[in-house]
C-alpha atoms as a PDB file:
ATOM      1  CA  MET A   1     -15.487 -11.023   3.948  1.00  0.00           C
ATOM      2  CA  SER A   2     -14.246  -7.681   5.547  1.00  0.00           C
ATOM      3  CA  SER A   3     -12.956  -4.584   3.529  1.00  0.00           C
ATOM      4  CA  VAL A   4     -11.157  -1.366   4.067  1.00  0.00           C
ATOM      5  CA  LEU A   5     -13.168   1.798   2.676  1.00  0.00           C
ATOM      6  CA  SER A   6     -10.969   4.124   3.825  1.00  0.00           C
ATOM      7  CA  VAL A   7      -7.072   5.280   5.336  1.00  0.00           C
ATOM      8  CA  VAL A   8      -5.765   8.563   6.144  1.00  0.00           C
ATOM      9  CA  ASN A   9      -2.281   8.160   7.135  1.00  0.00           C
ATOM     10  CA  GLY A  10      -1.041  11.005   8.725  1.00  0.00           C
ATOM     11  CA  GLU A  11       0.911  12.438  11.737  1.00  0.00           C
ATOM     12  CA  VAL A  12      -1.597  12.084  14.311  1.00  0.00           C
ATOM     13  CA  GLY A  13      -0.671   8.408  13.020  1.00  0.00           C
ATOM     14  CA  ARG A  14      -3.456   6.390  11.069  1.00  0.00           C
ATOM     15  CA  ALA A  15      -7.709   5.924  10.815  1.00  0.00           C
ATOM     16  CA  CYS A  16      -9.017   3.405   8.761  1.00  0.00           C
ATOM     17  CA  LEU A  17     -12.692   2.744   8.136  1.00  0.00           C
ATOM     18  CA  ILE A  18     -13.722  -1.034   8.048  1.00  0.00           C
ATOM     19  CA  ASN A  19     -16.583  -2.606   6.717  1.00  0.00           C
ATOM     20  CA  LYS A  20     -16.396  -5.641   9.099  1.00  0.00           C
ATOM     21  CA  ASP A  21     -18.563  -8.652   8.839  1.00  0.00           C
ATOM     22  CA  ARG A  22     -15.895 -11.097  10.244  1.00  0.00           C
ATOM     23  CA  ARG A  23     -14.453 -12.176  13.817  1.00  0.00           C
ATOM     24  CA  VAL A  24     -10.658 -11.587  13.746  1.00  0.00           C
ATOM     25  CA  GLY A  25      -8.653 -13.748  15.642  1.00  0.00           C
ATOM     26  CA  THR A  26      -6.559 -12.188  19.220  1.00  0.00           C
ATOM     27  CA  HIS A  27      -3.355  -9.954  18.051  1.00  0.00           C
ATOM     28  CA  ALA A  28      -1.665  -6.906  19.182  1.00  0.00           C
ATOM     29  CA  HIS A  29      -0.462  -4.028  18.341  1.00  0.00           C
ATOM     30  CA  ALA A  30       2.263  -1.098  18.798  1.00  0.00           C
ATOM     31  CA  GLU A  31      -0.008   1.345  18.380  1.00  0.00           C
ATOM     32  CA  PRO A  32      -2.751   2.314  21.257  1.00  0.00           C
ATOM     33  CA  HIS A  33      -5.462   2.245  19.124  1.00  0.00           C
ATOM     34  CA  VAL A  34      -9.043   3.666  19.860  1.00  0.00           C
ATOM     35  CA  ILE A  35     -12.274   1.646  17.739  1.00  0.00           C
ATOM     36  CA  LEU A  36     -15.477   3.363  17.403  1.00  0.00           C
ATOM     37  CA  LYS A  37     -18.448   1.947  15.061  1.00  0.00           C
ATOM     38  CA  ILE A  38     -20.323   4.574  12.798  1.00  0.00           C
ATOM     39  CA  GLU A  39     -23.033   2.083  11.381  1.00  0.00           C
ATOM     40  CA  GLY A  40     -24.397  -1.667  11.089  1.00  0.00           C
ATOM     41  CA  GLU A  41     -24.636  -3.670  13.836  1.00  0.00           C
ATOM     42  CA  ASP A  42     -23.868  -3.918  17.654  1.00  0.00           C
ATOM     43  CA  PHE A  43     -20.919  -6.524  18.572  1.00  0.00           C
ATOM     44  CA  ALA A  44     -17.749  -7.130  21.189  1.00  0.00           C
ATOM     45  CA  TYR A  45     -14.029  -7.268  21.569  1.00  0.00           C
ATOM     46  CA  GLU A  46     -12.299  -9.291  24.040  1.00  0.00           C
ATOM     47  CA  VAL A  47      -9.447  -6.610  25.031  1.00  0.00           C
ATOM     48  CA  GLY A  48      -6.933  -8.331  27.159  1.00  0.00           C
ATOM     49  CA  ASP A  49      -9.175 -10.733  29.693  1.00  0.00           C
ATOM     50  CA  ALA A  50     -12.409  -8.020  29.784  1.00  0.00           C
ATOM     51  CA  ILE A  51     -15.166  -7.987  27.033  1.00  0.00           C
ATOM     52  CA  ALA A  52     -15.646  -4.307  25.530  1.00  0.00           C
ATOM     53  CA  PRO A  53     -19.082  -2.942  23.539  1.00  0.00           C
ATOM     54  CA  CYS A  54     -18.338  -2.011  20.271  1.00  0.00           C
ATOM     55  CA  THR A  55     -21.703   0.420  20.112  1.00  0.00           C
ATOM     56  CA  ARG A  56     -22.773   3.452  19.014  1.00  0.00           C
ATOM     57  CA  GLU A  57     -22.672   5.027  22.803  1.00  0.00           C
ATOM     58  CA  SER A  58     -19.244   2.975  23.813  1.00  0.00           C
ATOM     59  CA  VAL A  59     -16.071   3.320  22.341  1.00  0.00           C
ATOM     60  CA  VAL A  60     -13.313   0.519  22.778  1.00  0.00           C
ATOM     61  CA  LEU A  61     -10.039   1.389  23.946  1.00  0.00           C
ATOM     62  CA  VAL A  62      -6.803  -0.829  23.173  1.00  0.00           C
ATOM     63  CA  ASN A  63      -3.212   0.184  24.626  1.00  0.00           C
ATOM     64  CA  ALA A  64       0.184  -0.484  22.693  1.00  0.00           C
ATOM     65  CA  MET A  65       1.076  -4.044  22.723  1.00  0.00           C
ATOM     66  CA  GLU A  66      -2.507  -5.221  24.649  1.00  0.00           C
ATOM     67  CA  ALA A  67      -4.044  -8.604  22.810  1.00  0.00           C
ATOM     68  CA  HIS A  68      -7.615  -8.204  21.801  1.00  0.00           C
ATOM     69  CA  GLY A  69     -10.103  -9.569  18.525  1.00  0.00           C
ATOM     70  CA  ASN A  70     -13.741  -9.321  18.074  1.00  0.00           C
ATOM     71  CA  ARG A  71     -15.917 -11.626  19.037  1.00  0.00           C
ATOM     72  CA  SER A  72     -18.947 -12.659  16.176  1.00  0.00           C
ATOM     73  CA  ILE A  73     -21.077 -10.107  14.397  1.00  0.00           C
ATOM     74  CA  GLY A  74     -24.015 -12.095  13.385  1.00  0.00           C
ATOM     75  CA  LYS A  75     -25.032 -12.431   9.679  1.00  0.00           C
ATOM     76  CA  GLY A  76     -25.014  -8.633   9.138  1.00  0.00           C
ATOM     77  CA  HIS A  77     -21.672  -6.016   9.141  1.00  0.00           C
ATOM     78  CA  SER A  78     -20.718  -3.162  11.515  1.00  0.00           C
ATOM     79  CA  VAL A  79     -18.469  -0.366   9.952  1.00  0.00           C
ATOM     80  CA  ILE A  80     -15.701   0.770  12.330  1.00  0.00           C
ATOM     81  CA  LEU A  81     -13.598   3.566  12.590  1.00  0.00           C
ATOM     82  CA  ALA A  82     -10.237   2.092  13.860  1.00  0.00           C
ATOM     83  CA  LEU A  83      -7.788   5.021  14.842  1.00  0.00           C
ATOM     84  CA  TYR A  84      -3.921   4.016  15.244  1.00  0.00           C
ATOM     85  CA  LEU A  85      -2.098   6.264  17.076  1.00  0.00           C
ATOM     86  CA  SER A  86       1.771   6.868  16.388  1.00  0.00           C
ATOM     87  CA  PRO A  87       3.578   6.218  19.236  1.00  0.00           C
ATOM     88  CA  GLN A  88       6.583   8.905  18.316  1.00  0.00           C
ATOM     89  CA  TRP A  89       3.556  11.367  17.564  1.00  0.00           C
ATOM     90  CA  LEU A  90       2.630  11.107  21.486  1.00  0.00           C
ATOM     91  CA  ILE A  91       5.884  11.210  22.351  1.00  0.00           C
ATOM     92  CA  GLU A  92       6.951  13.835  20.882  1.00  0.00           C
ATOM     93  CA  ARG A  93       4.145  15.918  21.315  1.00  0.00           C
ATOM     94  CA  HIS A  94       1.916  14.330  24.031  1.00  0.00           C
ATOM     95  CA  SER A  95       4.395  12.293  26.693  1.00  0.00           C
ATOM     96  CA  SER A  96       2.251  13.019  29.424  1.00  0.00           C
ATOM     97  CA  LEU A  97      -0.394  11.161  27.906  1.00  0.00           C
ATOM     98  CA  LEU A  98       1.613   8.122  28.126  1.00  0.00           C
ATOM     99  CA  VAL A  99       2.849   8.646  31.648  1.00  0.00           C
ATOM    100  CA  GLY A 100       2.829   4.945  33.870  1.00  0.00           C
ATOM    101  CA  GLY A 101       3.378   3.340  30.444  1.00  0.00           C
ATOM    102  CA  SER A 102      -0.391   3.211  29.568  1.00  0.00           C
ATOM    103  CA  LEU A 103      -2.882   5.310  27.825  1.00  0.00           C
ATOM    104  CA  PHE A 104      -6.380   3.758  28.749  1.00  0.00           C
ATOM    105  CA  GLN A 105      -7.187   2.942  32.033  1.00  0.00           C
ATOM    106  CA  ARG A 106     -10.013   0.672  31.168  1.00  0.00           C
ATOM    107  CA  PRO A 107     -11.303  -1.237  27.653  1.00  0.00           C
ATOM    108  CA  SER A 108     -14.113   1.410  27.259  1.00  0.00           C
ATOM    109  CA  ALA A 109     -15.811   3.903  28.088  1.00  0.00           C
ATOM    110  CA  GLU A 110     -19.561   5.552  26.827  1.00  0.00           C
ATOM    111  CA  THR A 111     -18.764   7.781  23.940  1.00  0.00           C
ATOM    112  CA  THR A 112     -19.271  11.921  24.853  1.00  0.00           C
ATOM    113  CA  PRO A 113     -21.755  13.495  22.022  1.00  0.00           C
ATOM    114  CA  LEU A 114     -18.386  15.976  20.937  1.00  0.00           C
ATOM    115  CA  LEU A 115     -16.543  12.458  20.901  1.00  0.00           C
ATOM    116  CA  ARG A 116     -19.730  11.545  18.773  1.00  0.00           C
ATOM    117  CA  GLU A 117     -19.593  13.726  16.013  1.00  0.00           C
ATOM    118  CA  ARG A 118     -15.853  14.208  15.324  1.00  0.00           C
ATOM    119  CA  ALA A 119     -16.121  10.535  14.482  1.00  0.00           C
ATOM    120  CA  ASP A 120     -19.310  10.596  12.145  1.00  0.00           C
ATOM    121  CA  ARG A 121     -17.652  13.736  10.462  1.00  0.00           C
ATOM    122  CA  LEU A 122     -14.247  12.067   9.316  1.00  0.00           C
ATOM    123  CA  ALA A 123     -16.077   8.525   8.732  1.00  0.00           C
ATOM    124  CA  ALA A 124     -18.543  10.834   6.208  1.00  0.00           C
ATOM    125  CA  GLY A 125     -15.122  12.817   5.521  1.00  0.00           C
ATOM    126  CA  MET A 126     -13.409   8.987   4.553  1.00  0.00           C
ATOM    127  CA  LEU A 127     -16.012   8.328   2.373  1.00  0.00           C
ATOM    128  CA  GLN A 128     -16.591  11.185   0.100  1.00  0.00           C
ATOM    129  CA  GLY A 129     -12.430  10.800  -0.379  1.00  0.00           C
ATOM    130  CA  ASP A 130     -11.601  13.787  -3.343  1.00  0.00           C
ATOM    131  CA  GLY A 131      -8.539  15.206  -2.447  1.00  0.00           C
ATOM    132  CA  LEU A 132     -10.794  18.721  -1.077  1.00  0.00           C
ATOM    133  CA  MET A 133     -11.397  16.592   2.031  1.00  0.00           C
ATOM    134  CA  ALA A 134      -7.652  15.464   2.644  1.00  0.00           C
ATOM    135  CA  ASP A 135      -6.226  18.314   4.904  1.00  0.00           C
ATOM    136  CA  ARG A 136      -9.639  18.674   6.701  1.00  0.00           C
ATOM    137  CA  CYS A 137      -9.683  14.857   7.256  1.00  0.00           C
ATOM    138  CA  GLN A 138      -6.227  14.973   8.898  1.00  0.00           C
ATOM    139  CA  PHE A 139      -7.572  17.708  10.940  1.00  0.00           C
ATOM    140  CA  LEU A 140     -10.386  15.388  12.286  1.00  0.00           C
ATOM    141  CA  VAL A 141      -8.336  12.670  12.921  1.00  0.00           C
ATOM    142  CA  SER A 142      -6.407  15.197  15.534  1.00  0.00           C
ATOM    143  CA  GLU A 143     -10.223  16.335  16.819  1.00  0.00           C
ATOM    144  CA  VAL A 144     -10.571  12.741  17.624  1.00  0.00           C
ATOM    145  CA  ALA A 145      -7.990  11.649  18.668  1.00  0.00           C
ATOM    146  CA  PHE A 146      -7.941  14.697  21.411  1.00  0.00           C
ATOM    147  CA  ALA A 147     -11.562  13.982  22.092  1.00  0.00           C
ATOM    148  CA  VAL A 148     -10.691  10.281  23.200  1.00  0.00           C
ATOM    149  CA  PHE A 149      -8.315  11.924  25.364  1.00  0.00           C
ATOM    150  CA  GLU A 150     -10.547  14.161  26.758  1.00  0.00           C
ATOM    151  CA  GLN A 151     -12.490  11.386  27.680  1.00  0.00           C
ATOM    152  CA  CYS A 152     -11.231   8.612  28.162  1.00  0.00           C
ATOM    153  CA  SER A 153      -6.853   8.494  29.300  1.00  0.00           C
ATOM    154  CA  ARG A 154      -6.290   8.104  32.134  1.00  0.00           C
ATOM    155  CA  PRO A 155      -5.420  10.400  34.686  1.00  0.00           C
ATOM    156  CA  ILE A 156      -1.835  11.459  35.116  1.00  0.00           C
ATOM    157  CA  THR A 157      -0.714  10.691  38.178  1.00  0.00           C
ATOM    158  CA  GLN A 158       3.178  12.649  39.993  1.00  0.00           C
ATOM    159  CA  ALA A 159       4.753   9.718  39.883  1.00  0.00           C
ATOM    160  CA  ALA A 160       5.140   7.822  37.177  1.00  0.00           C
ATOM    161  CA  ARG A 161       6.258   4.116  37.350  1.00  0.00           C
ATOM    162  CA  ILE A 162       8.876   2.559  35.544  1.00  0.00           C
ATOM    163  CA  GLY A 163       8.265   0.295  32.478  1.00  0.00           C
ATOM    164  CA  ARG A 164       7.245  -2.970  32.555  1.00  0.00           C
ATOM    165  CA  LEU A 165      10.084  -4.289  29.969  1.00  0.00           C
ATOM    166  CA  ASN A 166      12.372  -4.257  32.970  1.00  0.00           C
ATOM    167  CA  ASP A 167      14.130  -7.438  32.752  1.00  0.00           C
ATOM    168  CA  PHE A 168      17.577  -7.143  30.548  1.00  0.00           C
ATOM    169  CA  ARG A 169      16.829 -10.928  29.228  1.00  0.00           C
ATOM    170  CA  ILE A 170      13.835 -10.435  27.847  1.00  0.00           C
ATOM    171  CA  ARG A 171      14.952  -6.529  26.599  1.00  0.00           C
ATOM    172  CA  ARG A 172      17.130  -8.511  24.455  1.00  0.00           C
ATOM    173  CA  ALA A 173      15.008 -11.061  23.167  1.00  0.00           C
ATOM    174  CA  VAL A 174      12.707  -8.050  21.873  1.00  0.00           C
ATOM    175  CA  SER A 175      15.830  -6.807  20.617  1.00  0.00           C
ATOM    176  CA  PHE A 176      16.635 -10.301  18.521  1.00  0.00           C
ATOM    177  CA  MET A 177      12.657 -10.438  17.819  1.00  0.00           C
ATOM    178  CA  ARG A 178      12.486  -7.197  16.016  1.00  0.00           C
ATOM    179  CA  GLU A 179      15.913  -7.779  14.081  1.00  0.00           C
ATOM    180  CA  ASN A 180      14.465 -11.334  13.024  1.00  0.00           C
ATOM    181  CA  ALA A 181      11.176 -10.600  12.549  1.00  0.00           C
ATOM    182  CA  GLY A 182      11.194 -11.751   8.369  1.00  0.00           C
ATOM    183  CA  THR A 183      12.959 -15.187   9.651  1.00  0.00           C
ATOM    184  CA  ALA A 184      11.527 -18.352  10.794  1.00  0.00           C
ATOM    185  CA  LEU A 185      12.330 -17.861  14.580  1.00  0.00           C
ATOM    186  CA  ASP A 186      11.578 -20.090  17.045  1.00  0.00           C
ATOM    187  CA  VAL A 187      10.608 -18.954  20.528  1.00  0.00           C
ATOM    188  CA  ALA A 188      12.682 -22.184  21.968  1.00  0.00           C
ATOM    189  CA  ASP A 189      15.505 -20.913  20.112  1.00  0.00           C
ATOM    190  CA  VAL A 190      14.939 -16.719  21.275  1.00  0.00           C
ATOM    191  CA  ALA A 191      14.535 -18.714  24.871  1.00  0.00           C
ATOM    192  CA  CYS A 192      17.977 -20.595  25.117  1.00  0.00           C
ATOM    193  CA  ARG A 193      19.471 -16.775  23.707  1.00  0.00           C
ATOM    194  CA  VAL A 194      18.589 -15.115  26.317  1.00  0.00           C
ATOM    195  CA  GLY A 195      19.299 -18.138  29.136  1.00  0.00           C
ATOM    196  CA  LEU A 196      16.272 -19.141  29.720  1.00  0.00           C
ATOM    197  CA  SER A 197      13.581 -22.531  29.773  1.00  0.00           C
ATOM    198  CA  ARG A 198      11.357 -22.374  27.581  1.00  0.00           C
ATOM    199  CA  SER A 199       8.310 -21.890  30.559  1.00  0.00           C
ATOM    200  CA  ARG A 200      10.343 -19.585  32.411  1.00  0.00           C
ATOM    201  CA  PHE A 201      10.690 -17.320  29.451  1.00  0.00           C
ATOM    202  CA  PHE A 202       7.190 -17.561  28.399  1.00  0.00           C
ATOM    203  CA  ASP A 203       6.155 -16.982  31.567  1.00  0.00           C
ATOM    204  CA  LEU A 204       8.628 -13.532  32.167  1.00  0.00           C
ATOM    205  CA  PHE A 205       7.978 -12.404  28.715  1.00  0.00           C
ATOM    206  CA  ALA A 206       4.163 -12.397  29.227  1.00  0.00           C
ATOM    207  CA  GLU A 207       5.221 -10.682  33.040  1.00  0.00           C
ATOM    208  CA  CYS A 208       7.372  -7.576  31.131  1.00  0.00           C
ATOM    209  CA  THR A 209       5.264  -7.324  27.210  1.00  0.00           C
ATOM    210  CA  GLY A 210       1.545  -8.452  28.374  1.00  0.00           C
ATOM    211  CA  LEU A 211       2.007 -10.225  25.578  1.00  0.00           C
ATOM    212  CA  ALA A 212       3.016 -14.215  24.491  1.00  0.00           C
ATOM    213  CA  PRO A 213       6.108 -14.343  22.483  1.00  0.00           C
ATOM    214  CA  LYS A 214       3.832 -15.621  19.451  1.00  0.00           C
ATOM    215  CA  ASN A 215       1.788 -12.193  19.495  1.00  0.00           C
ATOM    216  CA  TYR A 216       4.439 -10.243  20.117  1.00  0.00           C
ATOM    217  CA  LEU A 217       5.956 -11.765  16.955  1.00  0.00           C
ATOM    218  CA  ASP A 218       2.847 -11.402  14.613  1.00  0.00           C
ATOM    219  CA  MET A 219       2.688  -7.652  15.882  1.00  0.00           C
ATOM    220  CA  LEU A 220       6.304  -7.151  14.808  1.00  0.00           C
ATOM    221  CA  ARG A 221       5.528  -8.583  11.372  1.00  0.00           C
ATOM    222  CA  MET A 222       2.214  -7.064  10.922  1.00  0.00           C
ATOM    223  CA  GLU A 223       4.898  -3.680  11.167  1.00  0.00           C
ATOM    224  CA  VAL A 224       6.521  -4.846   8.890  1.00  0.00           C
ATOM    225  CA  ALA A 225       3.847  -5.798   6.435  1.00  0.00           C
ATOM    226  CA  ILE A 226       1.836  -2.132   6.653  1.00  0.00           C
ATOM    227  CA  HIS A 227       4.490  -0.413   6.071  1.00  0.00           C
ATOM    228  CA  ALA A 228       5.306  -2.375   3.010  1.00  0.00           C
ATOM    229  CA  LEU A 229       2.175  -2.442   1.341  1.00  0.00           C
ATOM    230  CA  THR A 230       1.326   1.762   2.564  1.00  0.00           C
ATOM    231  CA  HIS A 231       4.848   2.541   1.093  1.00  0.00           C
ATOM    232  CA  THR A 232       6.541  -0.208  -1.059  1.00  0.00           C
ATOM    233  CA  GLY A 233       5.564  -1.106  -4.430  1.00  0.00           C
ATOM    234  CA  GLN A 234       7.213  -4.619  -3.171  1.00  0.00           C
ATOM    235  CA  PRO A 235       5.092  -7.463  -4.867  1.00  0.00           C
ATOM    236  CA  ILE A 236       2.887  -9.323  -1.835  1.00  0.00           C
ATOM    237  CA  ALA A 237       5.245 -12.578  -2.533  1.00  0.00           C
ATOM    238  CA  GLU A 238       7.959 -10.312  -1.438  1.00  0.00           C
ATOM    239  CA  ILE A 239       6.118  -8.941   1.669  1.00  0.00           C
ATOM    240  CA  ALA A 240       5.318 -12.415   2.426  1.00  0.00           C
ATOM    241  CA  GLU A 241       8.742 -13.399   2.483  1.00  0.00           C
ATOM    242  CA  ALA A 242       9.834 -10.799   4.729  1.00  0.00           C
ATOM    243  CA  CYS A 243       7.717 -11.463   6.459  1.00  0.00           C
ATOM    244  CA  GLY A 244       9.420 -14.863   7.210  1.00  0.00           C
ATOM    245  CA  TYR A 245       6.351 -16.695   5.353  1.00  0.00           C
ATOM    246  CA  SER A 246       7.234 -19.977   2.518  1.00  0.00           C
ATOM    247  CA  ALA A 247       4.145 -19.417   0.608  1.00  0.00           C
ATOM    248  CA  GLN A 248       1.926 -16.249  -0.232  1.00  0.00           C
ATOM    249  CA  SER A 249      -1.139 -17.738   1.067  1.00  0.00           C
ATOM    250  CA  HIS A 250      -0.025 -18.657   4.062  1.00  0.00           C
ATOM    251  CA  PHE A 251       1.214 -15.171   5.009  1.00  0.00           C
ATOM    252  CA  THR A 252      -2.370 -13.687   3.841  1.00  0.00           C
ATOM    253  CA  ARG A 253      -4.265 -16.096   6.061  1.00  0.00           C
ATOM    254  CA  PHE A 254      -1.808 -14.270   8.613  1.00  0.00           C
ATOM    255  CA  PHE A 255      -3.069 -10.849   7.330  1.00  0.00           C
ATOM    256  CA  VAL A 256      -6.621 -11.653   7.433  1.00  0.00           C
ATOM    257  CA  GLN A 257      -6.591 -13.471  10.791  1.00  0.00           C
ATOM    258  CA  GLN A 258      -4.772  -9.884  12.249  1.00  0.00           C
ATOM    259  CA  ILE A 259      -6.487  -7.235  10.641  1.00  0.00           C
ATOM    260  CA  GLY A 260     -10.018  -8.759   8.539  1.00  0.00           C
ATOM    261  CA  VAL A 261      -9.152  -8.173   5.164  1.00  0.00           C
ATOM    262  CA  THR A 262      -6.514  -9.655   2.625  1.00  0.00           C
ATOM    263  CA  PRO A 263      -2.981  -7.643   1.916  1.00  0.00           C
ATOM    264  CA  SER A 264      -4.503  -6.666  -1.824  1.00  0.00           C
ATOM    265  CA  ASP A 265      -7.083  -5.342  -0.408  1.00  0.00           C
ATOM    266  CA  TYR A 266      -5.717  -3.437   2.449  1.00  0.00           C
ATOM    267  CA  ARG A 267      -3.173  -1.729  -0.121  1.00  0.00           C
ATOM    268  CA  ARG A 268      -5.985  -1.102  -2.607  1.00  0.00           C
ATOM    269  CA  VAL A 269      -6.937   1.910  -0.363  1.00  0.00           C
ATOM    270  CA  ALA A 270      -4.207   2.524   2.208  1.00  0.00           C
ATOM    271  CA  ALA A 271      -1.288   2.614  -0.771  1.00  0.00           C
ATOM    272  CA  PRO A 272      -0.659   5.879  -2.757  1.00  0.00           C
ATOM    273  CA  PRO A 273      -0.149   6.193  -6.397  1.00  0.00           C
ATOM    274  CA  ALA A 274       2.693   4.466  -7.905  1.00  0.00           C
ATOM    275  CA  GLY A 275       5.664   6.297  -7.820  1.00  0.00           C
ATOM    276  CA  SER A 276       4.726   8.665  -4.983  1.00  0.00           C
ATOM    277  CA  ILE A 277       7.255   9.501  -2.156  1.00  0.00           C
ATOM    278  CA  PRO A 278       5.971   7.835   1.006  1.00  0.00           C
ATOM    279  CA  PRO A 279       4.936  10.643   3.336  1.00  0.00           C
ATOM    280  CA  ARG A 280       6.569  11.959   5.934  1.00  0.00           C
ATOM    281  CA  PRO A 281       5.366  13.483   9.161  1.00  0.00           C
ATOM    282  CA  GLY A 282       3.362  16.998   7.696  1.00  0.00           C
ATOM    283  CA  ASP A 283       3.064  15.822   4.487  1.00  0.00           C
ATOM    284  CA  PRO A 284      -0.203  16.488   2.328  1.00  0.00           C
ATOM    285  CA  VAL A 285      -2.807  13.054   3.580  1.00  0.00           C
ATOM    286  CA  VAL A 286      -3.954  11.092   0.425  1.00  0.00           C
ATOM    287  CA  VAL A 287      -7.452   9.698   1.322  1.00  0.00           C
ATOM    288  CA  LYS A 288      -8.763   6.927  -1.090  1.00  0.00           C
ATOM    289  CA  LYS A 289     -11.880   5.760  -0.562  1.00  0.00           C
ATOM    290  CA  GLN A 290     -13.792   2.043  -2.053  1.00  0.00           C
ATOM    291  CA  LYS A 291     -17.841   2.572  -2.377  1.00  0.00           C
ATOM    292  CA  LEU A 292     -19.457   0.976   0.852  1.00  0.00           C
ATOM    293  CA  VAL A 293     -22.020  -1.639   0.061  1.00  0.00           C
ATOM    294  CA  ARG A 294     -25.151  -2.012   2.007  1.00  0.00           C
END
């Protein structure tokens, strides 16, 4: 079973250090994110229609709402550093990086010595996990992010195209799905609500968002789950219900398929201490760790 070794939450986004030993199904995230291998076996991700190697010499690049999933790792394991970039931070601080609607032009790139060195330092600091390293890890998350931007973000052009989500029916569908992510939504009912046939809705939704309706709904439910596990003390059964699952076991299976670890394992590493206040941008960062079993 894969396990989360450490999580840093902060203004730039969240960094997760994961000991991965299993395949994760196709899924998507609201945040652009970057995956770097720290140690272990080489493997690969499927990003859209492309294959992106995950090695010490390569970095995997995934745009927001882009479908992806990793291939089998084999009989061993691989420790990866996954950096999920906050869309709010990108928009407020570095909106030029989002010109044209996507951050990355390709699903992988070669790592530079600078990016490699910063990623390794961040991973080492996250595993150390003491209070003295908290601010240092937050600084290193920013350093890794800027090394990625310098090496991997697509060139900025003068002509910014309009985002793809420009059909009013799909905008209405997305709004309805977001408001009702915790209910047992039937995609055919959503299509009917916005005045489209089921087949036309599927085609137009994929054209506008890059995702199938089910993958988009799964992404919304993962947003709810990650926030609740990280920032609240809600029982997992209640989180499961809030995500539209009648049984906690079904929610756990969904979470493992999406992230590769169980909700309880993720919470144990990512959640702040009981009674603490959820972090705000600029607040001190809490770093938690688990021992890496080799």
